[in-house]
Amino acid sequence: MAGRDIIVVGTSSGGVEVLAQLARGLPPGLPAAVFVVSHISPGARSVLPEILSRAGPLLAAHARDGEPTYPGHIYVAPPDRHLLLEPGRVRLRGGPRENHARPAIDPLFRSAARAYGRRVIGVVLTGALYDGVAGLMAVRAAGGVAVVQDPGDALVAALPMNARDIAGADHVVPAAGLARLLVDLVHQPLEPEGGLPMADPLEKMTDIVAADMNAQVRGERRGAVSVFTCPECGGSLWQVDEKNLLRFNCHVGHTYLGEALLGEQSEALEAALWTAVRTFKEKVVLARQLAATARERGDAQSVERFEDQARVAERYSALIQQYLLNGQETPPVPGEGAAGGEQEPGSGARRTSL
């Protein structure tokens, strides 16, 4: 009989020590794969896989996009990438931050619940705020098991406390008892009946947003809140209930004809792009200053990391100026499908207009 062979772990402040303690207690040949998200700054270098590999018998490594998963391995989310699960493999995505974090805990837990259902054990450890709470709800809704570190045992109690009180927990244990509990859960057979469907409402939001956008295009939101925001105050815009004239009005009274709003959006977009160029240029300078400082102290690894960030930022700054702000022909995007604007055979390069 199949058991619970997918362990997803989320933590934030104070989590490295608990993760090392967990890795130390897991046995070699564990018949489950372990996936870890620990909040880390985007530009930082993560040494968590090395720490976990040294702490216990299981091999830990940063996950690589598309790689297959195997039991007895620990897969760690790399900096600035969400770690997601598909049946039999992992995916890395640089999508929007969730709960101010990338990698975030919720995307890992949601994807695990969707891909593996009752086979999942969701583990929330020490940390602040709420990231992981909604994900743990998804794990439980799919029939998985929720394990939460005892808030009284956590360095930062807020996250495990919120997880326990909002999502609920099947087991609340101190860090010292975590490994033993997980081993027991992994070896408990599952009943053959199917589990509950995955039921995280956030999974439906993409379709809801797309439907609202399409309704706006078809002119079906007259007299209702539109999908646009006011250029002057940032508030929501209501579309005026008129058939032959496209007008919008915000709740403090700013009013725009459709073409005027389009012009305001073009100006705002150009300003945002120039802000991006300025930010990238500043990042180039700061990264190279940090590289010079690291070079003086003989830290070759940090030099390489900072120089690489400077090169990427310099390239992005040049691309924005060359192709978006100066209106040059944009090069084709590798792997871009028809939905993303793939060119028809024989057509010329697309020209971008603000």
Protein backbone atom coordinates (compact mmCIF):
# COMPACT_ATOMS: atom_id res chain seq x y z
CA MET A 1 0.00 0.00 0.00
CA ALA A 2 1.35 3.45 -0.91
CA GLY A 3 2.36 5.78 1.88
CA ARG A 4 2.94 9.45 2.32
CA ASP A 5 6.12 9.99 0.33
CA ILE A 6 6.09 13.76 -0.33
CA ILE A 7 7.26 16.01 2.53
CA VAL A 8 7.06 19.77 1.97
CA VAL A 9 8.65 22.04 4.56
CA GLY A 10 8.32 25.80 4.95
CA THR A 11 10.15 28.09 7.32
CA SER A 12 11.47 31.60 7.77
CA SER A 13 13.29 33.24 10.69
CA GLY A 14 15.23 30.73 12.76
CA GLY A 15 14.57 27.90 10.35
CA VAL A 16 18.11 26.89 9.44
CA GLU A 17 18.81 25.40 12.85
CA VAL A 18 15.53 23.48 12.90
CA LEU A 19 16.07 22.21 9.35
CA ALA A 20 19.56 21.00 10.28
CA GLN A 21 18.13 19.20 13.32
CA LEU A 22 15.48 17.62 11.10
CA ALA A 23 18.06 16.50 8.51
CA ARG A 24 20.14 14.99 11.30
CA GLY A 25 17.23 12.83 12.44
CA LEU A 26 16.07 11.51 9.07
CA PRO A 27 17.41 8.03 8.25
CA PRO A 28 19.30 7.01 5.11
CA GLY A 29 17.03 5.47 2.51
CA LEU A 30 14.00 7.46 3.63
CA PRO A 31 11.20 6.39 1.23
CA ALA A 32 10.05 9.97 0.72
CA ALA A 33 11.33 13.08 -1.03
CA VAL A 34 11.72 16.28 1.00
CA PHE A 35 11.17 19.74 -0.46
CA VAL A 36 12.20 22.84 1.46
CA VAL A 37 11.40 26.53 1.15
CA SER A 38 13.23 28.88 3.48
CA HIS A 39 12.86 32.62 2.96
CA ILE A 40 16.08 34.15 1.64
CA SER A 41 16.98 37.48 0.07
CA PRO A 42 16.99 37.39 -3.76
CA GLY A 43 20.62 38.47 -4.11
CA ALA A 44 21.97 36.28 -1.33
CA ARG A 45 23.94 33.08 -1.80
CA SER A 46 22.19 30.12 -0.23
CA VAL A 47 24.36 27.51 1.50
CA LEU A 48 21.39 25.68 2.98
CA PRO A 49 21.92 22.52 0.85
CA GLU A 50 25.50 22.23 2.12
CA ILE A 51 24.34 22.68 5.71
CA LEU A 52 21.66 20.00 5.40
CA SER A 53 23.95 17.56 3.56
CA ARG A 54 26.55 17.87 6.32
CA ALA A 55 23.94 17.59 9.07
CA GLY A 56 22.42 14.26 8.07
CA PRO A 57 22.65 11.24 5.74
CA LEU A 58 20.36 12.55 2.97
CA LEU A 59 21.77 14.43 -0.01
CA ALA A 60 20.48 18.00 -0.22
CA ALA A 61 20.79 20.25 -3.28
CA HIS A 62 19.18 23.26 -4.85
CA ALA A 63 16.33 22.12 -7.06
CA ARG A 64 16.78 22.44 -10.82
CA ASP A 65 13.92 23.21 -13.14
CA GLY A 66 12.46 20.07 -14.70
CA GLU A 67 14.59 17.56 -12.82
CA PRO A 68 12.95 14.30 -11.71
CA THR A 69 12.43 13.67 -8.02
CA TYR A 70 13.60 10.68 -6.02
CA PRO A 71 12.98 9.47 -2.48
CA GLY A 72 15.77 9.98 -0.01
CA HIS A 73 16.70 13.39 -1.43
CA ILE A 74 16.19 16.93 -0.10
CA TYR A 75 15.34 19.57 -2.70
CA VAL A 76 15.88 23.19 -1.60
CA ALA A 77 14.33 26.21 -3.31
CA PRO A 78 17.11 28.43 -4.72
CA PRO A 79 17.09 32.18 -4.11
CA ASP A 80 14.52 34.24 -6.04
CA ARG A 81 12.69 31.21 -7.47
CA HIS A 82 9.41 29.62 -6.41
CA LEU A 83 9.72 25.84 -6.02
CA LEU A 84 6.72 24.01 -7.49
CA LEU A 85 5.90 20.33 -7.85
CA GLU A 86 4.49 18.41 -10.77
CA PRO A 87 4.00 14.63 -10.74
CA GLY A 88 7.50 13.19 -10.72
CA ARG A 89 9.44 16.43 -11.17
CA VAL A 90 10.11 19.93 -9.87
CA ARG A 91 9.60 23.30 -11.49
CA LEU A 92 11.25 26.62 -10.70
CA ARG A 93 9.40 29.82 -11.47
CA GLY A 94 10.29 33.49 -11.10
CA GLY A 95 6.67 34.60 -10.82
CA PRO A 96 5.27 37.33 -8.59
CA ARG A 97 6.26 37.35 -4.93
CA GLU A 98 3.72 35.89 -2.54
CA ASN A 99 3.52 37.23 0.98
CA HIS A 100 6.52 39.45 0.11
CA ALA A 101 8.67 36.37 -0.57
CA ARG A 102 10.19 34.49 -3.50
CA PRO A 103 10.65 31.64 -2.88
CA ALA A 104 7.42 31.49 -0.91
CA ILE A 105 5.99 28.58 1.04
CA ASP A 106 2.41 28.73 -0.22
CA PRO A 107 3.21 27.97 -3.90
CA LEU A 108 5.17 24.84 -2.93
CA PHE A 109 2.42 23.56 -0.65
CA ARG A 110 -0.35 24.34 -3.18
CA SER A 111 1.43 22.59 -6.02
CA ALA A 112 2.23 19.57 -3.83
CA ALA A 113 -1.42 19.27 -2.82
CA ARG A 114 -2.52 19.51 -6.45
CA ALA A 115 0.04 16.99 -7.73
CA TYR A 116 0.08 14.44 -4.91
CA GLY A 117 -3.02 14.89 -2.75
CA ARG A 118 -3.10 12.52 0.22
CA ARG A 119 0.56 11.56 -0.21
CA VAL A 120 1.70 14.97 1.09
CA ILE A 121 2.95 15.85 4.56
CA GLY A 122 3.04 19.61 5.00
CA VAL A 123 5.41 20.94 7.67
CA VAL A 124 5.44 24.53 8.96
CA LEU A 125 8.35 25.59 11.16
CA THR A 126 9.50 28.72 12.93
CA GLY A 127 8.93 32.05 11.19
CA ALA A 128 6.99 35.29 11.09
CA LEU A 129 3.68 36.33 9.57
CA TYR A 130 1.50 34.06 7.42
CA ASP A 131 3.35 32.53 4.45
CA GLY A 132 2.55 28.82 4.54
CA VAL A 133 -0.83 29.11 6.26
CA ALA A 134 -2.93 29.04 3.08
CA GLY A 135 -0.65 26.36 1.63
CA LEU A 136 -1.16 24.16 4.67
CA MET A 137 -4.92 24.59 4.26
CA ALA A 138 -4.56 23.31 0.68
CA VAL A 139 -2.57 20.29 1.87
CA ARG A 140 -5.25 19.39 4.40
CA ALA A 141 -8.06 19.99 1.90
CA ALA A 142 -6.40 17.50 -0.46
CA GLY A 143 -6.27 14.86 2.29
CA GLY A 144 -2.64 15.41 3.30
CA VAL A 145 -1.27 15.67 6.83
CA ALA A 146 -0.37 18.97 8.50
CA VAL A 147 2.56 19.08 10.93
CA VAL A 148 3.38 22.29 12.81
CA GLN A 149 6.31 23.04 15.09
CA ASP A 150 5.15 23.80 18.60
CA PRO A 151 5.03 27.64 18.75
CA GLY A 152 6.44 27.50 22.27
CA ASP A 153 9.49 25.70 20.87
CA ALA A 154 9.98 28.03 17.87
CA LEU A 155 12.47 30.89 17.77
CA VAL A 156 9.76 32.99 16.08
CA ALA A 157 6.31 31.73 17.03
CA ALA A 158 4.02 33.75 14.72
CA LEU A 159 4.07 31.48 11.65
CA PRO A 160 3.54 28.14 13.42
CA MET A 161 0.94 29.75 15.68
CA ASN A 162 -0.99 31.15 12.71
CA ALA A 163 -0.71 27.82 10.88
CA ARG A 164 -2.03 25.92 13.87
CA ASP A 165 -4.86 28.33 14.63
CA ILE A 166 -6.02 29.09 11.07
CA ALA A 167 -5.15 26.09 8.91
CA GLY A 168 -5.28 23.56 11.72
CA ALA A 169 -2.69 20.91 12.49
CA ASP A 170 -2.85 17.13 12.72
CA HIS A 171 0.35 17.12 14.78
CA VAL A 172 2.04 19.85 16.84
CA VAL A 173 5.52 18.85 17.96
CA PRO A 174 8.77 20.44 19.14
CA ALA A 175 11.74 20.41 16.78
CA ALA A 176 13.33 17.53 18.66
CA GLY A 177 10.40 15.23 17.85
CA LEU A 178 9.90 16.28 14.25
CA ALA A 179 12.12 13.72 12.46
CA ARG A 180 10.70 10.77 14.38
CA LEU A 181 7.14 11.85 13.63
CA LEU A 182 7.82 12.28 9.91
CA VAL A 183 9.42 8.83 9.68
CA ASP A 184 6.37 7.32 11.38
CA LEU A 185 3.98 9.16 9.02
CA VAL A 186 5.94 8.08 5.95
CA HIS A 187 5.70 4.43 6.96
CA GLN A 188 1.99 4.53 7.74
CA PRO A 189 0.05 2.95 4.83
CA LEU A 190 -2.71 4.94 3.18
CA GLU A 191 -6.18 3.56 2.75
CA PRO A 192 -6.91 2.70 -0.90
CA GLU A 193 -9.87 5.09 -1.20
CA GLY A 194 -9.34 8.32 -3.11
CA GLY A 195 -8.72 11.50 -1.20
CA LEU A 196 -10.45 14.83 -1.13
CA PRO A 197 -9.99 17.15 -4.12
CA MET A 198 -7.50 19.99 -3.84
CA ALA A 199 -9.53 23.05 -2.85
CA ASP A 200 -7.39 26.17 -2.57
CA PRO A 201 -9.53 29.11 -3.81
CA LEU A 202 -6.39 30.88 -5.04
CA GLU A 203 -6.09 28.25 -7.78
CA LYS A 204 -9.28 29.64 -9.35
CA MET A 205 -8.09 33.25 -9.44
CA THR A 206 -6.26 33.03 -12.77
CA ASP A 207 -9.47 32.01 -14.53
CA ILE A 208 -11.48 34.66 -12.67
CA VAL A 209 -9.03 37.42 -13.64
CA ALA A 210 -8.99 36.25 -17.28
CA ALA A 211 -12.79 36.24 -17.38
CA ASP A 212 -12.94 39.79 -15.99
CA MET A 213 -10.34 41.00 -18.49
CA ASN A 214 -12.26 39.43 -21.39
CA ALA A 215 -15.54 40.92 -20.15
CA GLN A 216 -13.86 44.35 -20.10
CA VAL A 217 -12.74 43.91 -23.71
CA ARG A 218 -16.28 42.96 -24.74
CA GLY A 219 -17.73 46.03 -23.03
CA GLU A 220 -19.66 44.02 -20.47
CA ARG A 221 -18.66 46.04 -17.41
CA ARG A 222 -20.66 49.23 -18.01
CA GLY A 223 -21.92 50.61 -14.73
CA ALA A 224 -19.51 48.36 -12.79
CA VAL A 225 -15.95 48.44 -11.50
CA SER A 226 -13.53 48.13 -14.41
CA VAL A 227 -10.16 46.36 -14.46
CA PHE A 228 -8.38 49.76 -14.68
CA THR A 229 -7.03 52.08 -12.00
CA CYS A 230 -7.05 55.86 -11.85
CA PRO A 231 -3.77 57.40 -13.11
CA GLU A 232 -4.10 60.30 -10.64
CA CYS A 233 -4.94 58.61 -7.34
CA GLY A 234 -4.53 54.88 -7.99
CA GLY A 235 -8.12 54.08 -7.03
CA SER A 236 -10.46 51.75 -8.89
CA LEU A 237 -12.21 53.12 -11.98
CA TRP A 238 -15.89 52.47 -12.67
CA GLN A 239 -16.97 52.35 -16.30
CA VAL A 240 -19.79 54.80 -16.97
CA ASP A 241 -23.00 53.11 -18.15
CA GLU A 242 -23.00 54.51 -21.69
CA LYS A 243 -23.11 52.52 -24.90
CA ASN A 244 -21.53 54.88 -27.42
CA LEU A 245 -18.96 56.67 -25.26
CA LEU A 246 -16.22 54.99 -23.25
CA ARG A 247 -15.75 56.89 -19.99
CA PHE A 248 -14.39 56.01 -16.58
CA ASN A 249 -14.79 57.61 -13.16
CA CYS A 250 -13.00 56.87 -9.88
CA HIS A 251 -14.55 57.08 -6.42
CA VAL A 252 -13.05 60.53 -5.69
CA GLY A 253 -14.28 61.96 -9.01
CA HIS A 254 -11.42 61.78 -11.53
CA THR A 255 -12.95 61.18 -14.96
CA TYR A 256 -11.34 59.97 -18.19
CA LEU A 257 -12.46 59.32 -21.72
CA GLY A 258 -11.12 56.01 -23.00
CA GLU A 259 -8.52 57.59 -25.30
CA ALA A 260 -7.36 59.96 -22.57
CA LEU A 261 -6.92 57.03 -20.21
CA LEU A 262 -4.93 55.19 -22.86
CA GLY A 263 -2.65 58.22 -23.22
CA GLU A 264 -2.15 58.41 -19.45
CA GLN A 265 -1.24 54.71 -19.40
CA SER A 266 1.35 55.25 -22.14
CA GLU A 267 2.97 58.07 -20.15
CA ALA A 268 2.91 56.02 -16.96
CA LEU A 269 4.46 53.05 -18.76
CA GLU A 270 7.27 55.18 -20.18
CA ALA A 271 7.98 56.64 -16.74
CA ALA A 272 8.05 53.13 -15.26
CA LEU A 273 10.48 51.96 -17.93
CA TRP A 274 12.82 54.89 -17.29
CA THR A 275 12.62 54.08 -13.58
CA ALA A 276 13.60 50.50 -14.44
CA VAL A 277 16.55 51.74 -16.50
CA ARG A 278 17.71 53.96 -13.65
CA THR A 279 17.35 51.12 -11.14
CA PHE A 280 19.28 48.69 -13.33
CA LYS A 281 22.08 51.23 -13.83
CA GLU A 282 22.31 51.82 -10.09
CA LYS A 283 22.36 48.06 -9.55
CA VAL A 284 25.29 47.77 -11.98
CA VAL A 285 27.28 50.36 -10.04
CA LEU A 286 26.45 48.90 -6.61
CA ALA A 287 27.13 45.31 -7.68
CA ARG A 288 30.52 46.28 -9.09
CA GLN A 289 31.35 48.22 -5.93
CA LEU A 290 30.50 45.12 -3.89
CA ALA A 291 32.61 43.02 -6.27
CA ALA A 292 35.57 45.36 -5.77
CA THR A 293 35.18 45.12 -1.99
CA ALA A 294 35.01 41.31 -2.18
CA ARG A 295 38.07 41.28 -4.46
CA GLU A 296 40.07 43.24 -1.89
CA ARG A 297 39.34 40.64 0.78
CA GLY A 298 40.08 37.73 -1.59
CA ASP A 299 36.53 36.38 -1.80
CA ALA A 300 36.53 35.09 -5.39
CA GLN A 301 33.11 33.45 -5.10
CA SER A 302 31.41 36.69 -4.09
CA VAL A 303 33.28 38.58 -6.81
CA GLU A 304 31.87 36.21 -9.43
CA ARG A 305 28.35 36.49 -8.01
CA PHE A 306 28.35 40.30 -7.91
CA GLU A 307 29.93 40.63 -11.36
CA ASP A 308 27.30 38.30 -12.78
CA GLN A 309 24.53 40.44 -11.26
CA ALA A 310 26.14 43.54 -12.74
CA ARG A 311 26.31 41.98 -16.22
CA VAL A 312 22.67 40.92 -16.12
CA ALA A 313 21.50 44.34 -14.89
CA GLU A 314 23.56 46.10 -17.57
CA ARG A 315 22.07 43.88 -20.26
CA TYR A 316 18.48 44.46 -19.10
CA SER A 317 19.03 48.22 -18.95
CA ALA A 318 20.33 48.23 -22.51
CA LEU A 319 17.46 46.05 -23.76
CA ILE A 320 14.81 48.34 -22.27
CA GLN A 321 16.38 51.43 -23.81
CA GLN A 322 17.10 49.85 -27.18
CA TYR A 323 13.90 47.97 -27.86
CA LEU A 324 11.18 49.56 -25.72
CA LEU A 325 12.09 53.20 -25.19
CA ASN A 326 13.84 53.84 -28.51
CA GLY A 327 11.31 51.83 -30.55
CA GLN A 328 13.78 49.57 -32.34
CA GLU A 329 12.61 46.26 -33.71
CA THR A 330 12.34 43.70 -30.95
CA PRO A 331 14.15 40.40 -31.40
CA PRO A 332 12.05 37.20 -31.29
CA VAL A 333 11.67 35.72 -27.84
CA PRO A 334 12.99 32.12 -27.70
CA GLY A 335 10.22 29.64 -26.99
CA GLU A 336 7.45 32.23 -27.16
CA GLY A 337 4.16 30.67 -28.29
CA ALA A 338 1.34 32.13 -30.29
CA ALA A 339 -0.39 33.42 -27.18
CA GLY A 340 2.67 35.46 -26.41
CA GLY A 341 2.90 37.02 -29.87
CA GLU A 342 4.92 34.51 -31.92
CA GLN A 343 5.53 35.74 -35.44
CA GLU A 344 3.84 34.16 -38.41
CA PRO A 345 6.23 32.54 -40.91
CA GLY A 346 7.66 35.15 -43.20
CA SER A 347 6.63 38.10 -41.06
CA GLY A 348 9.03 40.80 -39.96
CA ALA A 349 10.16 41.44 -36.41
CA ARG A 350 7.58 42.98 -34.14
CA ARG A 351 7.91 46.68 -33.30
CA THR A 352 7.06 47.64 -29.76
CA SER A 353 4.96 50.73 -29.11
CA LEU A 354 4.25 52.30 -25.76
